[in-house]
Amino acid sequence: MTFAPPQRTRPLVAVASSSGSTVDTHLGHAREFRIYGSDEGVVGLIGTRPAPQPGSGDARWEGVAEILSDCTYLLVAGVGRKPLEILAGRGLTVIEAEGYVQSLVRQLYGGIE
């Protein structure tokens, strides 16, 4: 996976994970997002944010974009075309990935511990 590190204006990475250890949740099933950041080169969990309620169509994806407006990336196990388009239009890059959260997030921050 090769991506530029998170932007200064959007310094965080969001993850959809049911366990907290692996990226294992489809965006449409996410109940919350785990938020990661980097402080002086150390990457770690800084909190969680609730996902908007399912079933509201495009309004849900607009809500996700708002909740994650300070994130450059969103790691998910799967995502549909429409939410991908809406989130990209709001400046959030959605990445379909499999693997351990910490490892994937560190890669996004340029491999720092």
N, C-alpha and C. Protein backbone atom coordinates (compact mmCIF):
# COMPACT_ATOMS: atom_id res chain seq x y z
N MET A 1 0.86 -1.17 0.00
CA MET A 1 0.00 0.00 0.00
C MET A 1 0.90 1.23 0.00
N THR A 2 0.75 2.10 -0.99
CA THR A 2 1.56 3.31 -1.09
C THR A 2 0.66 4.52 -1.21
N PHE A 3 0.64 5.32 -0.15
CA PHE A 3 -0.15 6.54 -0.12
C PHE A 3 0.68 7.62 0.55
N ALA A 4 0.38 8.86 0.24
CA ALA A 4 1.05 9.97 0.93
C ALA A 4 0.58 9.99 2.38
N PRO A 5 1.45 10.40 3.31
CA PRO A 5 1.02 10.50 4.71
C PRO A 5 -0.17 11.46 4.83
N PRO A 6 -0.95 11.32 5.89
CA PRO A 6 -2.10 12.22 6.09
C PRO A 6 -1.69 13.69 5.98
N GLN A 7 -2.60 14.49 5.46
CA GLN A 7 -2.36 15.91 5.24
C GLN A 7 -2.36 16.67 6.57
N ARG A 8 -1.66 17.76 6.60
CA ARG A 8 -1.60 18.58 7.81
C ARG A 8 -2.99 19.10 8.20
N THR A 9 -3.82 19.42 7.21
CA THR A 9 -5.15 19.94 7.49
C THR A 9 -6.14 18.84 7.86
N ARG A 10 -5.78 17.60 7.54
CA ARG A 10 -6.61 16.42 7.86
C ARG A 10 -5.65 15.36 8.39
N PRO A 11 -5.15 15.52 9.61
CA PRO A 11 -4.04 14.69 10.10
C PRO A 11 -4.40 13.29 10.59
N LEU A 12 -5.65 12.92 10.58
CA LEU A 12 -6.06 11.66 11.21
C LEU A 12 -6.44 10.59 10.21
N VAL A 13 -6.51 9.34 10.71
CA VAL A 13 -6.93 8.19 9.93
C VAL A 13 -8.07 7.52 10.68
N ALA A 14 -9.16 7.21 9.98
CA ALA A 14 -10.30 6.53 10.57
C ALA A 14 -10.31 5.07 10.11
N VAL A 15 -10.81 4.20 10.98
CA VAL A 15 -10.84 2.76 10.67
C VAL A 15 -12.20 2.19 11.07
N ALA A 16 -12.76 1.35 10.19
CA ALA A 16 -13.97 0.60 10.51
C ALA A 16 -13.54 -0.80 10.94
N SER A 17 -13.71 -1.07 12.24
CA SER A 17 -13.27 -2.35 12.79
C SER A 17 -14.19 -2.75 13.92
N SER A 18 -14.65 -3.99 13.90
CA SER A 18 -15.51 -4.46 14.99
C SER A 18 -14.70 -4.89 16.20
N SER A 19 -13.45 -5.28 15.96
CA SER A 19 -12.62 -5.81 17.04
C SER A 19 -11.58 -4.81 17.54
N GLY A 20 -11.23 -3.85 16.69
CA GLY A 20 -10.17 -2.92 17.04
C GLY A 20 -8.80 -3.41 16.62
N SER A 21 -8.69 -4.69 16.28
CA SER A 21 -7.37 -5.21 15.90
C SER A 21 -7.23 -5.42 14.40
N THR A 22 -8.34 -5.70 13.70
CA THR A 22 -8.26 -5.89 12.25
C THR A 22 -9.29 -5.02 11.54
N VAL A 23 -8.98 -4.67 10.29
CA VAL A 23 -9.95 -3.98 9.45
C VAL A 23 -10.89 -5.06 8.94
N ASP A 24 -12.11 -5.09 9.48
CA ASP A 24 -13.01 -6.20 9.19
C ASP A 24 -14.46 -5.77 8.99
N THR A 25 -14.71 -4.48 8.80
CA THR A 25 -16.08 -3.99 8.73
C THR A 25 -16.33 -3.24 7.42
N HIS A 26 -17.40 -3.63 6.74
CA HIS A 26 -17.86 -2.93 5.55
C HIS A 26 -18.38 -1.57 6.00
N LEU A 27 -18.14 -0.54 5.22
CA LEU A 27 -18.58 0.81 5.61
C LEU A 27 -20.07 0.85 5.93
N GLY A 28 -20.87 0.15 5.15
CA GLY A 28 -22.31 0.16 5.38
C GLY A 28 -22.74 -0.47 6.70
N HIS A 29 -21.87 -1.24 7.33
CA HIS A 29 -22.18 -1.90 8.60
C HIS A 29 -21.50 -1.25 9.79
N ALA A 30 -20.71 -0.21 9.55
CA ALA A 30 -19.94 0.43 10.63
C ALA A 30 -20.86 1.12 11.63
N ARG A 31 -20.66 0.82 12.90
CA ARG A 31 -21.39 1.47 13.99
C ARG A 31 -20.58 2.61 14.59
N GLU A 32 -19.25 2.50 14.44
CA GLU A 32 -18.36 3.55 14.93
C GLU A 32 -17.07 3.51 14.13
N PHE A 33 -16.29 4.56 14.28
CA PHE A 33 -14.99 4.65 13.63
C PHE A 33 -13.94 4.84 14.70
N ARG A 34 -12.85 4.10 14.58
CA ARG A 34 -11.71 4.26 15.46
C ARG A 34 -10.79 5.29 14.80
N ILE A 35 -10.36 6.27 15.56
CA ILE A 35 -9.59 7.38 15.01
C ILE A 35 -8.14 7.29 15.50
N TYR A 36 -7.22 7.34 14.54
CA TYR A 36 -5.79 7.23 14.84
C TYR A 36 -5.08 8.52 14.44
N GLY A 37 -4.04 8.84 15.19
CA GLY A 37 -3.24 10.00 14.90
C GLY A 37 -1.78 9.72 15.19
N SER A 38 -0.94 10.67 14.86
CA SER A 38 0.49 10.56 15.10
C SER A 38 0.93 11.76 15.94
N ASP A 39 1.60 11.46 17.03
CA ASP A 39 2.10 12.51 17.91
C ASP A 39 3.59 12.30 18.11
N GLU A 40 4.38 13.20 17.56
CA GLU A 40 5.84 13.12 17.64
C GLU A 40 6.35 11.77 17.15
N GLY A 41 5.76 11.28 16.06
CA GLY A 41 6.21 10.05 15.44
C GLY A 41 5.62 8.78 16.01
N VAL A 42 4.77 8.88 17.02
CA VAL A 42 4.13 7.70 17.60
C VAL A 42 2.67 7.66 17.13
N VAL A 43 2.30 6.56 16.48
CA VAL A 43 0.95 6.38 15.96
C VAL A 43 0.12 5.64 17.00
N GLY A 44 -1.07 6.14 17.27
CA GLY A 44 -1.93 5.46 18.23
C GLY A 44 -3.38 5.87 18.13
N LEU A 45 -4.22 5.10 18.81
CA LEU A 45 -5.65 5.37 18.87
C LEU A 45 -5.89 6.61 19.72
N ILE A 46 -6.67 7.55 19.18
CA ILE A 46 -6.97 8.74 19.97
C ILE A 46 -8.44 8.81 20.38
N GLY A 47 -9.26 7.90 19.84
CA GLY A 47 -10.66 7.88 20.24
C GLY A 47 -11.54 7.17 19.25
N THR A 48 -12.84 7.19 19.53
CA THR A 48 -13.83 6.62 18.62
C THR A 48 -14.91 7.66 18.36
N ARG A 49 -15.57 7.51 17.23
CA ARG A 49 -16.68 8.39 16.87
C ARG A 49 -17.83 7.53 16.36
N PRO A 50 -19.05 7.81 16.78
CA PRO A 50 -20.19 7.01 16.30
C PRO A 50 -20.48 7.30 14.83
N ALA A 51 -20.88 6.27 14.13
CA ALA A 51 -21.30 6.41 12.74
C ALA A 51 -22.75 6.86 12.70
N PRO A 52 -23.15 7.61 11.68
CA PRO A 52 -24.56 7.96 11.53
C PRO A 52 -25.40 6.69 11.38
N GLN A 53 -26.66 6.80 11.73
CA GLN A 53 -27.58 5.66 11.65
C GLN A 53 -27.72 5.18 10.21
N PRO A 54 -27.75 3.85 10.01
CA PRO A 54 -27.97 3.33 8.65
C PRO A 54 -29.39 3.59 8.17
N GLY A 55 -29.56 3.50 6.87
CA GLY A 55 -30.89 3.61 6.31
C GLY A 55 -31.30 4.99 5.87
N SER A 56 -30.38 5.95 5.91
CA SER A 56 -30.76 7.31 5.51
C SER A 56 -30.20 7.69 4.15
N GLY A 57 -29.75 6.70 3.39
CA GLY A 57 -29.27 6.96 2.03
C GLY A 57 -28.05 7.86 1.99
N ASP A 58 -28.03 8.77 1.02
CA ASP A 58 -26.89 9.65 0.84
C ASP A 58 -26.62 10.51 2.06
N ALA A 59 -27.65 10.81 2.84
CA ALA A 59 -27.46 11.63 4.05
C ALA A 59 -26.50 10.95 5.02
N ARG A 60 -26.52 9.61 5.04
CA ARG A 60 -25.58 8.90 5.93
C ARG A 60 -24.14 9.15 5.50
N TRP A 61 -23.89 9.11 4.21
CA TRP A 61 -22.51 9.29 3.73
C TRP A 61 -22.06 10.74 3.91
N GLU A 62 -22.99 11.67 3.75
CA GLU A 62 -22.65 13.08 4.04
C GLU A 62 -22.33 13.23 5.53
N GLY A 63 -23.06 12.51 6.38
CA GLY A 63 -22.79 12.52 7.82
C GLY A 63 -21.44 11.92 8.15
N VAL A 64 -21.08 10.83 7.47
CA VAL A 64 -19.77 10.23 7.67
C VAL A 64 -18.68 11.23 7.28
N ALA A 65 -18.87 11.90 6.14
CA ALA A 65 -17.89 12.90 5.69
C ALA A 65 -17.72 14.00 6.73
N GLU A 66 -18.80 14.42 7.34
CA GLU A 66 -18.74 15.47 8.36
C GLU A 66 -18.03 14.97 9.62
N ILE A 67 -18.40 13.79 10.08
CA ILE A 67 -17.79 13.21 11.29
C ILE A 67 -16.29 13.01 11.11
N LEU A 68 -15.88 12.69 9.88
CA LEU A 68 -14.47 12.38 9.60
C LEU A 68 -13.78 13.49 8.82
N SER A 69 -14.24 14.72 8.97
CA SER A 69 -13.71 15.84 8.18
C SER A 69 -12.26 16.17 8.50
N ASP A 70 -11.73 15.66 9.61
CA ASP A 70 -10.33 15.89 9.95
C ASP A 70 -9.46 14.68 9.64
N CYS A 71 -10.01 13.72 8.90
CA CYS A 71 -9.29 12.50 8.51
C CYS A 71 -8.95 12.54 7.02
N THR A 72 -7.75 12.11 6.68
CA THR A 72 -7.36 11.98 5.28
C THR A 72 -7.85 10.66 4.72
N TYR A 73 -7.76 9.60 5.53
CA TYR A 73 -8.08 8.25 5.08
C TYR A 73 -9.12 7.58 5.96
N LEU A 74 -9.88 6.67 5.34
CA LEU A 74 -10.81 5.79 6.03
C LEU A 74 -10.54 4.38 5.54
N LEU A 75 -10.11 3.50 6.45
CA LEU A 75 -9.86 2.10 6.12
C LEU A 75 -11.10 1.28 6.40
N VAL A 76 -11.55 0.50 5.41
CA VAL A 76 -12.74 -0.33 5.53
C VAL A 76 -12.48 -1.68 4.86
N ALA A 77 -13.30 -2.68 5.22
CA ALA A 77 -13.19 -3.98 4.58
C ALA A 77 -13.91 -3.99 3.24
N GLY A 78 -14.87 -3.10 3.05
CA GLY A 78 -15.61 -3.01 1.80
C GLY A 78 -16.39 -1.71 1.76
N VAL A 79 -16.72 -1.27 0.54
CA VAL A 79 -17.45 -0.01 0.38
C VAL A 79 -18.17 -0.05 -0.97
N GLY A 80 -19.36 0.52 -1.01
CA GLY A 80 -20.11 0.62 -2.24
C GLY A 80 -19.69 1.82 -3.08
N ARG A 81 -20.13 1.84 -4.33
CA ARG A 81 -19.76 2.90 -5.26
C ARG A 81 -20.26 4.27 -4.82
N LYS A 82 -21.52 4.37 -4.41
CA LYS A 82 -22.11 5.66 -4.06
C LYS A 82 -21.42 6.30 -2.85
N PRO A 83 -21.25 5.58 -1.73
CA PRO A 83 -20.54 6.21 -0.61
C PRO A 83 -19.11 6.58 -0.97
N LEU A 84 -18.47 5.76 -1.78
CA LEU A 84 -17.10 6.06 -2.20
C LEU A 84 -17.06 7.39 -2.96
N GLU A 85 -18.01 7.61 -3.86
CA GLU A 85 -18.08 8.86 -4.63
C GLU A 85 -18.34 10.05 -3.72
N ILE A 86 -19.29 9.91 -2.81
CA ILE A 86 -19.64 11.03 -1.93
C ILE A 86 -18.47 11.39 -1.03
N LEU A 87 -17.85 10.39 -0.43
CA LEU A 87 -16.74 10.66 0.50
C LEU A 87 -15.54 11.24 -0.24
N ALA A 88 -15.24 10.73 -1.43
CA ALA A 88 -14.13 11.28 -2.21
C ALA A 88 -14.40 12.73 -2.57
N GLY A 89 -15.65 13.04 -2.89
CA GLY A 89 -16.02 14.41 -3.21
C GLY A 89 -15.87 15.36 -2.03
N ARG A 90 -15.86 14.81 -0.84
CA ARG A 90 -15.69 15.61 0.38
C ARG A 90 -14.25 15.55 0.91
N GLY A 91 -13.33 14.98 0.10
CA GLY A 91 -11.92 14.99 0.46
C GLY A 91 -11.43 13.82 1.30
N LEU A 92 -12.25 12.79 1.46
CA LEU A 92 -11.86 11.63 2.26
C LEU A 92 -11.54 10.47 1.32
N THR A 93 -10.34 9.93 1.44
CA THR A 93 -9.92 8.80 0.63
C THR A 93 -10.28 7.52 1.36
N VAL A 94 -11.14 6.70 0.76
CA VAL A 94 -11.56 5.43 1.35
C VAL A 94 -10.69 4.33 0.76
N ILE A 95 -10.11 3.52 1.64
CA ILE A 95 -9.21 2.44 1.22
C ILE A 95 -9.79 1.11 1.68
N GLU A 96 -10.06 0.23 0.73
CA GLU A 96 -10.47 -1.13 1.08
C GLU A 96 -9.20 -1.91 1.41
N ALA A 97 -9.17 -2.48 2.62
CA ALA A 97 -7.96 -3.16 3.07
C ALA A 97 -8.32 -4.32 3.96
N GLU A 98 -7.38 -5.24 4.08
CA GLU A 98 -7.49 -6.35 5.02
C GLU A 98 -6.19 -6.38 5.79
N GLY A 99 -6.29 -6.66 7.07
CA GLY A 99 -5.07 -6.77 7.86
C GLY A 99 -5.22 -6.14 9.23
N TYR A 100 -4.08 -6.08 9.91
CA TYR A 100 -4.06 -5.53 11.26
C TYR A 100 -4.10 -4.00 11.22
N VAL A 101 -4.95 -3.44 12.03
CA VAL A 101 -5.16 -2.00 12.06
C VAL A 101 -3.85 -1.26 12.28
N GLN A 102 -3.12 -1.60 13.34
CA GLN A 102 -1.90 -0.86 13.66
C GLN A 102 -0.91 -0.87 12.51
N SER A 103 -0.73 -2.01 11.89
CA SER A 103 0.21 -2.12 10.77
C SER A 103 -0.21 -1.25 9.60
N LEU A 104 -1.50 -1.32 9.24
CA LEU A 104 -1.99 -0.54 8.11
C LEU A 104 -1.93 0.96 8.39
N VAL A 105 -2.30 1.36 9.59
CA VAL A 105 -2.26 2.79 9.93
C VAL A 105 -0.82 3.28 9.93
N ARG A 106 0.11 2.51 10.47
CA ARG A 106 1.52 2.92 10.45
C ARG A 106 2.02 3.11 9.03
N GLN A 107 1.59 2.21 8.13
CA GLN A 107 1.99 2.35 6.73
C GLN A 107 1.52 3.68 6.16
N LEU A 108 0.30 4.07 6.51
CA LEU A 108 -0.22 5.35 6.01
C LEU A 108 0.56 6.54 6.54
N TYR A 109 1.09 6.41 7.74
CA TYR A 109 1.89 7.48 8.32
C TYR A 109 3.37 7.37 7.92
N GLY A 110 3.65 6.57 6.92
CA GLY A 110 5.02 6.47 6.43
C GLY A 110 5.89 5.48 7.17
N GLY A 111 5.26 4.50 7.82
CA GLY A 111 6.03 3.45 8.48
C GLY A 111 6.51 3.80 9.87
N ILE A 112 6.10 4.94 10.42
CA ILE A 112 6.58 5.30 11.75
C ILE A 112 5.90 4.46 12.82
N GLU A 113 6.57 4.29 13.91
CA GLU A 113 6.04 3.47 15.01
C GLU A 113 5.11 4.30 15.85
